Amino acid sequence: MLLRRAAALCVPALLAFPAAATAAPFRDHVIHTERNVARAAQVPGTTQDYAAADGTLIPITVSASWTGDPNVAQNYATFLGTLPHGPELAALRVTIVPSSEVAPACGVEFDPEAPVLACYSATDSTMVVPGDQLSGSDLSVEYVIAHEYGHHIAANRSNAPLEALDYGPKRWSSYELVCKNTLDGRLAPGNQAEGYEDNPGEAWAEAYARLIFPTQAWRFTSLLKPTQGSLLAAMADVAEPWTRRQTKTFKGTGTKTFKLPLTLDGAFTVKLDGPKSANYDLVLSSGGKVAERTTRRGSKDRIHYRIACRDRRTENLRIKVVRRSGGGRYTLTVKYAG
């Protein structure tokens, strides 16, 4: 059942991938407060523009405390340019610190049981990443960077009226039924603490990283473990970002049923515009069950959902216009995510 009320990329070789075992969670941090943003921005160091593999210039700050590879900034810029991306790459900023200094640079406490390996701030489009691999970690720095770039993708995509940074971009989030599973209490959008493994914003960033590293073990809820379909949706979010709702218009007379398949979650509005002398009502149904109906007099009925969450990947909606009295031609206008 749908309708619940609630507040060019080419990587064909990655479409067939082996199942991966679960592993210890990859911990990073998405910065939400101005205090932490300011703290990350105050890392002392040298900032310079470095050219990515596609020529995009990326401002990268190398911490004054970094004493490792002097080419690390250029290496990271080059790597970032190889990731699936759009024009949002030009808005990215990077800060490189020793792995031991990631937590303080991100404004979080160091936890030896689950150390934070990197962080991302949507406020200033900055990722803080280590210049070296954290001791004891089996994750390469490149994988960590790819995960953080997934957050940057989300920060520059829309999943209106949901927050893409917490729920993931529109197509991936809709394919994975994130809205429904959140309403059912099975996911925890934006949770950076005890619900970290159930945070779809983190699962999205991890799924994005799997576009580049398909054999990495999955570290988040099994509900969002990547499949061929979800990875195709993720690639579509990168290459062809969703921007606005679609509009479809139907016309008719008398009692009539119109069918509309929904494949994306989002705001939903259906508006009936008929003759003043007639009395028509609307009935919405899906899966053989009525979701909502109107009973007001006249033929200017409207049903609106701030967020319509699908129960299945394709929700076959039936919109029935019921003639109560009078007659004449009417127009039915539907606005929906897709």
Foldseek 3Di string as FASTA:
>chain_A
DKFDFDPPDDDVVLLDFDAFAADAAQAAEEDDDPVLVVLLVPQDFDWDWEQELVRQTEIEGEHPPDDPDPCLVNVVRPLVNVAQADPLRNQAYEYEDAQVCQQSSRVHDADPVHGHQKYAYLVRNYIYHYSADDPPDPDGSSLVVQLRVLLSLQSVADCPPDRCLFQNAWQLSLQLLSVVCVVVVQADTPDNPPRNLRGNSSLSSNLSSCSVVVHDHDHHDPSSDDHSVSNVSSSCCRVPGQDFWDKDKDKDKAKDKDKDKDQTKFKKKKWKFWDQPWFKKKWKDWPPDTPDIDDDGGTGDMDIHRIMGDPHRIIIMMIIIHTDDDMDMMMMMMIGRD
